[in-house]
Amino acid sequence: MDTAEVILSVLVAVIIIVSLLSNVLVLICFLYNPEIRKQVPGLFTLNLTFCNLLLTVSNMPLTLVGLVNKGQPGGDSFCQIVGFLETFLSTNSMLSMAALSIDRWIAVVFPLRYHSKMRHKDAAFVLGYTWAHSMSFSTVATCLSWVGYHRLYASCTLSNPRASSRTQFVIFTVFFHSFTFLLSFIVLCVTYLKVLKVARFHCKRIDIITMQTLVLLVDIHPSVRQRCLEEQKRRRQRATRKISTFIGTFMLCFAPYVITRIVELFPAVPINPHWGIVSKCLAYSKAACDPFVYSLLRHQYRKTCTDIINRLLKRSSLNLFLCHVCMKHNALVCFQRVQ
């Protein structure tokens, strides 16, 4: 292995560890906090976490093995199963992000009608569509033997070694990425930009009220006035920063891999093998980013994590106290026996 392959192997291992720990933590928070379970977006978050965990334990380690051994991990049938899972889980995770954006759009644009428009059965219907959509593409690719080991990405994924079905594979690949990556990206942009528009409108209204209040309070201290103005600026930037994070991480992680898959369809265009692994690592890194982007940085999840840690620390402190009391009691009994 050369230096670049060693670095890429370490990168894949780090992504596996971060993705596994962060997604497990989201799952623990979901199971621990009943309020999170009651919320409709919790179903979409749970589905996204489920896909990320399966991708982490099933596909990422095999990519690491393929990168280290420079060959296919397991037999052809095993690799087809892994390729089926990779196609299904990556598609399902993209559509889950689109579903989360639609949920936020309804909550912000139609706040009074949110509970009637987005109920648990509506969320279940959306999840049913994401599963059917993902299953259809992965099943077609597997039945047509278009999944297998791909040396460029050192993983079991979409691949067509037969020249006889090249045209059909090109059509399927373009169609697949158009109705997964491109569709999800369009939904993310449309919904989150509408959310940003509404958020800026409300921020402008709050700013007008704040400025009117500051004008009326002529005796207000200059430092208080300055803090109010700074809070206005932070409020305007907060919504933009969140929307940019949602759309930016999606594009940064998935776009290089999808573009590489499209360019790969043209045999005349050479692709650096190290770049193929890098683009795959970027796609895998989305599974490590999602827990922070959609869950762990939110106040409710942070509070739940804090409650879990405090509960564990209190239990540990109680156990130490009981052990200390028992040791004192045993020492006293031994001393009485000696006397």
Protein backbone atom coordinates (compact mmCIF):
# COMPACT_ATOMS: atom_id res chain seq x y z
CA MET A 1 0.00 0.00 0.00
CA ASP A 2 1.26 3.47 -0.88
CA THR A 3 0.93 6.53 1.33
CA ALA A 4 -2.34 7.69 -0.26
CA GLU A 5 -3.97 4.29 0.29
CA VAL A 6 -2.85 4.25 3.93
CA ILE A 7 -4.35 7.70 4.48
CA LEU A 8 -7.61 6.66 2.79
CA SER A 9 -7.77 3.48 4.89
CA VAL A 10 -7.36 5.51 8.08
CA LEU A 11 -10.01 7.94 6.85
CA VAL A 12 -12.50 5.13 6.24
CA ALA A 13 -11.78 3.69 9.70
CA VAL A 14 -12.35 7.10 11.34
CA ILE A 15 -15.62 7.54 9.44
CA ILE A 16 -16.77 4.10 10.62
CA ILE A 17 -16.02 4.89 14.27
CA VAL A 18 -17.61 8.37 14.24
CA SER A 19 -20.66 7.19 12.31
CA LEU A 20 -21.22 4.20 14.57
CA LEU A 21 -20.89 6.14 17.84
CA SER A 22 -22.93 9.17 16.75
CA ASN A 23 -25.80 7.18 15.23
CA VAL A 24 -25.97 4.87 18.25
CA LEU A 25 -26.14 7.96 20.46
CA VAL A 26 -29.06 9.31 18.42
CA LEU A 27 -30.82 5.95 18.77
CA ILE A 28 -30.26 5.97 22.55
CA CYS A 29 -31.70 9.50 22.80
CA PHE A 30 -34.72 8.42 20.76
CA LEU A 31 -35.37 5.44 23.04
CA TYR A 32 -34.70 7.40 26.24
CA ASN A 33 -36.80 10.51 25.61
CA PRO A 34 -40.56 9.92 25.11
CA GLU A 35 -41.02 13.49 23.84
CA ILE A 36 -38.74 12.79 20.88
CA ARG A 37 -40.66 9.61 20.11
CA LYS A 38 -43.96 11.51 20.10
CA GLN A 39 -42.80 14.00 17.45
CA VAL A 40 -43.48 13.23 13.80
CA PRO A 41 -39.96 14.22 12.61
CA GLY A 42 -38.64 11.59 15.01
CA LEU A 43 -39.85 8.89 12.60
CA PHE A 44 -37.83 10.38 9.74
CA THR A 45 -34.80 10.79 12.00
CA LEU A 46 -35.15 7.19 13.18
CA ASN A 47 -35.32 5.93 9.59
CA LEU A 48 -32.25 8.00 8.64
CA THR A 49 -30.35 6.70 11.68
CA PHE A 50 -31.36 3.13 10.85
CA CYS A 51 -30.04 3.48 7.28
CA ASN A 52 -26.79 5.10 8.45
CA LEU A 53 -26.17 2.38 11.03
CA LEU A 54 -26.76 -0.43 8.56
CA LEU A 55 -24.52 1.27 6.01
CA THR A 56 -21.83 1.67 8.66
CA VAL A 57 -21.79 -1.96 9.78
CA SER A 58 -22.41 -3.63 6.39
CA ASN A 59 -20.72 -1.60 3.63
CA MET A 60 -18.03 0.59 5.15
CA PRO A 61 -15.98 -2.25 6.73
CA LEU A 62 -16.03 -4.18 3.44
CA THR A 63 -14.82 -1.08 1.59
CA LEU A 64 -11.96 -0.90 4.08
CA VAL A 65 -11.18 -4.59 3.50
CA GLY A 66 -11.30 -4.10 -0.28
CA LEU A 67 -9.00 -1.10 0.00
CA VAL A 68 -6.46 -2.93 2.17
CA ASN A 69 -6.52 -6.24 0.26
CA LYS A 70 -6.94 -4.59 -3.15
CA GLY A 71 -9.58 -7.12 -4.08
CA GLN A 72 -13.18 -8.22 -3.74
CA PRO A 73 -14.23 -9.11 -0.17
CA GLY A 74 -16.08 -12.43 -0.35
CA GLY A 75 -17.72 -14.18 -3.27
CA ASP A 76 -19.88 -12.79 -6.06
CA SER A 77 -23.19 -13.64 -4.36
CA PHE A 78 -22.08 -12.02 -1.12
CA CYS A 79 -20.92 -8.92 -2.98
CA GLN A 80 -24.28 -8.69 -4.78
CA ILE A 81 -26.11 -8.72 -1.45
CA VAL A 82 -23.82 -5.99 -0.11
CA GLY A 83 -24.28 -3.98 -3.31
CA PHE A 84 -28.05 -4.32 -2.99
CA LEU A 85 -27.85 -2.97 0.58
CA GLU A 86 -25.59 -0.09 -0.47
CA THR A 87 -27.98 0.99 -3.24
CA PHE A 88 -31.04 0.63 -1.01
CA LEU A 89 -29.60 2.37 2.07
CA SER A 90 -28.01 5.30 0.24
CA THR A 91 -31.24 5.97 -1.68
CA ASN A 92 -33.34 5.66 1.47
CA SER A 93 -31.12 8.07 3.40
CA MET A 94 -31.32 10.72 0.66
CA LEU A 95 -35.10 10.47 0.52
CA SER A 96 -35.28 10.62 4.33
CA MET A 97 -33.43 13.96 4.24
CA ALA A 98 -35.92 15.19 1.65
CA ALA A 99 -38.78 14.04 3.91
CA LEU A 100 -37.27 15.96 6.86
CA SER A 101 -37.09 19.11 4.73
CA ILE A 102 -40.75 18.74 3.72
CA ASP A 103 -41.68 18.34 7.40
CA ARG A 104 -39.80 21.54 8.31
CA TRP A 105 -41.42 23.39 5.42
CA ILE A 106 -44.92 22.44 6.56
CA ALA A 107 -44.08 23.31 10.19
CA VAL A 108 -42.75 26.79 9.33
CA VAL A 109 -45.00 27.81 6.42
CA PHE A 110 -48.23 26.27 7.80
CA PRO A 111 -47.71 26.28 11.61
CA LEU A 112 -51.42 26.31 12.51
CA ARG A 113 -52.22 23.39 10.21
CA TYR A 114 -49.07 21.36 10.83
CA HIS A 115 -50.66 18.79 13.15
CA SER A 116 -53.45 18.14 10.67
CA LYS A 117 -51.16 18.03 7.62
CA MET A 118 -48.33 15.95 9.12
CA ARG A 119 -49.61 13.21 11.39
CA HIS A 120 -47.91 9.96 12.29
CA LYS A 121 -49.86 8.07 9.63
CA ASP A 122 -48.83 10.69 7.05
CA ALA A 123 -45.20 10.24 8.09
CA ALA A 124 -45.61 6.46 7.84
CA PHE A 125 -46.99 6.87 4.31
CA VAL A 126 -43.98 9.03 3.31
CA LEU A 127 -41.60 6.45 4.79
CA GLY A 128 -43.44 3.70 2.93
CA TYR A 129 -42.80 5.59 -0.31
CA THR A 130 -39.09 6.03 0.48
CA TRP A 131 -38.75 2.30 1.14
CA ALA A 132 -40.66 1.35 -2.04
CA HIS A 133 -38.65 3.85 -4.10
CA SER A 134 -35.35 2.56 -2.72
CA MET A 135 -36.34 -1.08 -3.02
CA SER A 136 -37.39 -0.75 -6.65
CA PHE A 137 -34.04 0.62 -7.88
CA SER A 138 -31.92 -1.78 -5.82
CA THR A 139 -34.03 -4.77 -6.87
CA VAL A 140 -33.83 -3.92 -10.57
CA ALA A 141 -30.05 -3.47 -10.38
CA THR A 142 -29.63 -6.79 -8.56
CA CYS A 143 -31.91 -8.75 -10.88
CA LEU A 144 -30.04 -7.44 -13.93
CA SER A 145 -26.66 -8.26 -12.30
CA TRP A 146 -25.66 -4.61 -12.22
CA VAL A 147 -24.24 -4.77 -8.69
CA GLY A 148 -20.82 -6.17 -7.88
CA TYR A 149 -17.31 -5.26 -6.86
CA HIS A 150 -16.06 -2.00 -8.38
CA ARG A 151 -12.28 -1.52 -8.21
CA LEU A 152 -12.49 2.25 -8.64
CA TYR A 153 -14.42 2.57 -5.36
CA ALA A 154 -13.05 -0.60 -3.68
CA SER A 155 -16.60 -1.54 -2.75
CA CYS A 156 -19.59 -3.60 -3.79
CA THR A 157 -21.87 -1.16 -5.59
CA LEU A 158 -23.42 -0.49 -9.00
CA SER A 159 -21.18 -2.07 -11.61
CA ASN A 160 -21.56 -3.49 -15.12
CA PRO A 161 -18.68 -5.63 -16.38
CA ARG A 162 -20.58 -6.78 -19.48
CA ALA A 163 -20.25 -4.73 -22.66
CA SER A 164 -23.46 -6.17 -24.14
CA SER A 165 -25.73 -4.31 -21.71
CA ARG A 166 -23.74 -1.08 -21.54
CA THR A 167 -26.45 1.12 -23.08
CA GLN A 168 -29.11 -0.15 -20.68
CA PHE A 169 -26.76 0.34 -17.72
CA VAL A 170 -26.04 3.94 -18.77
CA ILE A 171 -29.76 4.70 -19.00
CA PHE A 172 -30.41 3.07 -15.63
CA THR A 173 -27.53 4.94 -13.92
CA VAL A 174 -28.68 8.34 -15.19
CA PHE A 175 -32.28 7.56 -14.29
CA PHE A 176 -31.27 6.27 -10.85
CA HIS A 177 -29.20 9.33 -9.86
CA SER A 178 -31.82 11.69 -11.30
CA PHE A 179 -34.57 10.22 -9.13
CA THR A 180 -32.45 9.90 -5.99
CA PHE A 181 -29.73 12.55 -5.70
CA LEU A 182 -31.18 15.18 -8.04
CA LEU A 183 -34.76 14.75 -6.81
CA SER A 184 -33.69 15.00 -3.16
CA PHE A 185 -31.51 18.03 -3.90
CA ILE A 186 -34.38 19.86 -5.63
CA VAL A 187 -36.72 19.10 -2.72
CA LEU A 188 -34.12 20.30 -0.22
CA CYS A 189 -33.55 23.56 -2.11
CA VAL A 190 -37.23 24.36 -2.68
CA THR A 191 -38.40 23.59 0.86
CA TYR A 192 -35.49 25.08 2.80
CA LEU A 193 -35.40 28.26 0.70
CA LYS A 194 -39.10 28.76 1.43
CA VAL A 195 -38.36 28.16 5.12
CA LEU A 196 -35.55 30.72 4.94
CA LYS A 197 -37.88 33.24 3.28
CA VAL A 198 -40.45 32.87 6.07
CA ALA A 199 -37.74 33.02 8.75
CA ARG A 200 -36.32 36.24 7.33
CA PHE A 201 -39.80 37.76 7.18
CA HIS A 202 -40.37 37.01 10.87
CA CYS A 203 -36.90 38.30 11.74
CA LYS A 204 -37.69 41.56 9.94
CA ARG A 205 -40.93 41.95 11.92
CA ILE A 206 -39.09 41.30 15.18
CA ASP A 207 -36.39 43.79 14.19
CA ILE A 208 -38.99 46.49 13.50
CA ILE A 209 -40.61 45.94 16.90
CA THR A 210 -37.21 45.95 18.59
CA MET A 211 -36.16 49.19 16.92
CA GLN A 212 -39.45 50.85 17.84
CA THR A 213 -38.94 49.77 21.46
CA LEU A 214 -35.38 51.11 21.49
CA VAL A 215 -36.58 54.46 20.15
CA LEU A 216 -39.20 54.72 22.90
CA LEU A 217 -36.73 53.75 25.64
CA VAL A 218 -34.65 56.91 25.49
CA ASP A 219 -33.02 56.26 28.86
CA ILE A 220 -31.77 52.80 27.94
CA HIS A 221 -28.08 52.16 28.56
CA PRO A 222 -25.94 52.10 25.37
CA SER A 223 -24.61 48.62 26.20
CA VAL A 224 -28.15 47.21 26.34
CA ARG A 225 -28.96 48.85 23.02
CA GLN A 226 -25.79 47.35 21.50
CA ARG A 227 -26.69 43.88 22.78
CA CYS A 228 -30.13 44.15 21.20
CA LEU A 229 -28.62 45.11 17.85
CA GLU A 230 -26.14 42.23 18.05
CA GLU A 231 -28.97 39.81 18.83
CA GLN A 232 -30.80 41.04 15.72
CA LYS A 233 -27.75 40.27 13.62
CA ARG A 234 -27.31 36.80 15.16
CA ARG A 235 -31.00 36.05 14.61
CA ARG A 236 -30.73 36.86 10.91
CA GLN A 237 -27.59 34.77 10.50
CA ARG A 238 -28.85 31.75 12.47
CA ALA A 239 -31.52 30.73 9.95
CA THR A 240 -29.16 31.21 7.00
CA ARG A 241 -26.46 29.16 8.70
CA LYS A 242 -28.81 26.24 9.41
CA ILE A 243 -30.20 26.14 5.87
CA SER A 244 -26.70 26.36 4.43
CA THR A 245 -25.63 23.44 6.63
CA PHE A 246 -28.50 21.21 5.49
CA ILE A 247 -28.01 21.85 1.77
CA GLY A 248 -24.21 22.28 1.92
CA THR A 249 -23.46 18.96 3.64
CA PHE A 250 -25.77 17.14 1.22
CA MET A 251 -23.97 18.59 -1.81
CA LEU A 252 -20.46 18.32 -0.37
CA CYS A 253 -20.85 14.64 0.55
CA PHE A 254 -22.95 13.25 -2.31
CA ALA A 255 -22.23 15.47 -5.34
CA PRO A 256 -18.58 14.36 -5.92
CA TYR A 257 -19.57 10.69 -5.86
CA VAL A 258 -22.60 11.14 -8.13
CA ILE A 259 -20.64 13.28 -10.61
CA THR A 260 -17.88 10.66 -10.67
CA ARG A 261 -20.44 7.94 -11.39
CA ILE A 262 -21.81 9.97 -14.32
CA VAL A 263 -18.36 10.80 -15.70
CA GLU A 264 -17.45 7.13 -15.39
CA LEU A 265 -20.06 6.33 -18.05
CA PHE A 266 -17.78 7.93 -20.64
CA PRO A 267 -14.86 5.53 -21.18
CA ALA A 268 -12.77 8.22 -22.87
CA VAL A 269 -12.56 10.22 -19.62
CA PRO A 270 -9.90 8.79 -17.24
CA ILE A 271 -10.60 8.83 -13.50
CA ASN A 272 -7.85 8.70 -10.90
CA PRO A 273 -8.35 5.57 -8.72
CA HIS A 274 -7.54 7.54 -5.56
CA TRP A 275 -10.25 10.05 -6.46
CA GLY A 276 -12.77 7.20 -6.72
CA ILE A 277 -12.02 6.21 -3.11
CA VAL A 278 -12.10 9.84 -1.96
CA SER A 279 -15.54 10.39 -3.51
CA LYS A 280 -16.77 7.19 -1.84
CA CYS A 281 -15.39 8.37 1.51
CA LEU A 282 -17.22 11.68 1.11
CA ALA A 283 -20.47 9.80 0.47
CA TYR A 284 -19.83 7.65 3.55
CA SER A 285 -19.03 10.74 5.64
CA LYS A 286 -22.67 11.86 5.31
CA ALA A 287 -23.62 9.00 7.62
CA ALA A 288 -21.23 10.48 10.22
CA CYS A 289 -22.46 14.06 9.68
CA ASP A 290 -26.22 13.40 9.77
CA PRO A 291 -26.46 12.74 13.55
CA PHE A 292 -24.94 16.16 14.24
CA VAL A 293 -26.75 18.04 11.47
CA TYR A 294 -30.23 16.71 12.21
CA SER A 295 -30.16 15.61 15.85
CA LEU A 296 -27.30 15.95 18.32
CA LEU A 297 -26.80 19.71 17.92
CA ARG A 298 -30.46 20.40 18.66
CA HIS A 299 -31.37 21.53 22.18
CA GLN A 300 -33.70 18.60 22.85
CA TYR A 301 -31.07 15.99 22.01
CA ARG A 302 -28.34 17.84 23.91
CA LYS A 303 -30.57 17.99 26.97
CA THR A 304 -31.33 14.28 26.64
CA CYS A 305 -27.61 13.46 26.40
CA THR A 306 -26.96 15.59 29.48
CA ASP A 307 -29.74 13.81 31.40
CA ILE A 308 -28.34 10.40 30.45
CA ILE A 309 -24.81 11.38 31.53
CA ASN A 310 -26.05 12.85 34.82
CA ARG A 311 -28.09 9.76 35.52
CA LEU A 312 -25.10 7.51 34.89
CA LEU A 313 -22.84 9.68 37.06
CA LYS A 314 -25.37 9.73 39.91
CA ARG A 315 -25.73 5.97 39.71
CA SER A 316 -21.94 5.58 39.75
CA SER A 317 -21.67 7.96 42.73
CA LEU A 318 -24.39 6.03 44.56
CA ASN A 319 -22.61 2.73 43.91
CA LEU A 320 -19.33 4.18 45.22
CA PHE A 321 -21.10 5.49 48.32
CA LEU A 322 -22.72 2.10 49.01
CA CYS A 323 -19.39 0.33 48.55
CA HIS A 324 -17.78 2.76 50.97
CA VAL A 325 -20.52 2.15 53.56
CA CYS A 326 -20.22 -1.63 53.15
CA MET A 327 -16.44 -1.49 53.60
CA LYS A 328 -16.85 0.53 56.79
CA HIS A 329 -19.49 -1.91 58.06
CA ASN A 330 -17.28 -4.95 57.33
CA ALA A 331 -14.32 -3.30 59.01
CA LEU A 332 -16.41 -2.58 62.12
CA VAL A 333 -17.66 -6.19 62.28
CA CYS A 334 -14.12 -7.55 62.00
CA PHE A 335 -12.93 -5.19 64.75
CA GLN A 336 -15.75 -6.32 67.09
CA ARG A 337 -14.87 -9.98 66.46
CA VAL A 338 -11.21 -9.40 67.31
CA GLN A 339 -12.17 -7.77 70.58
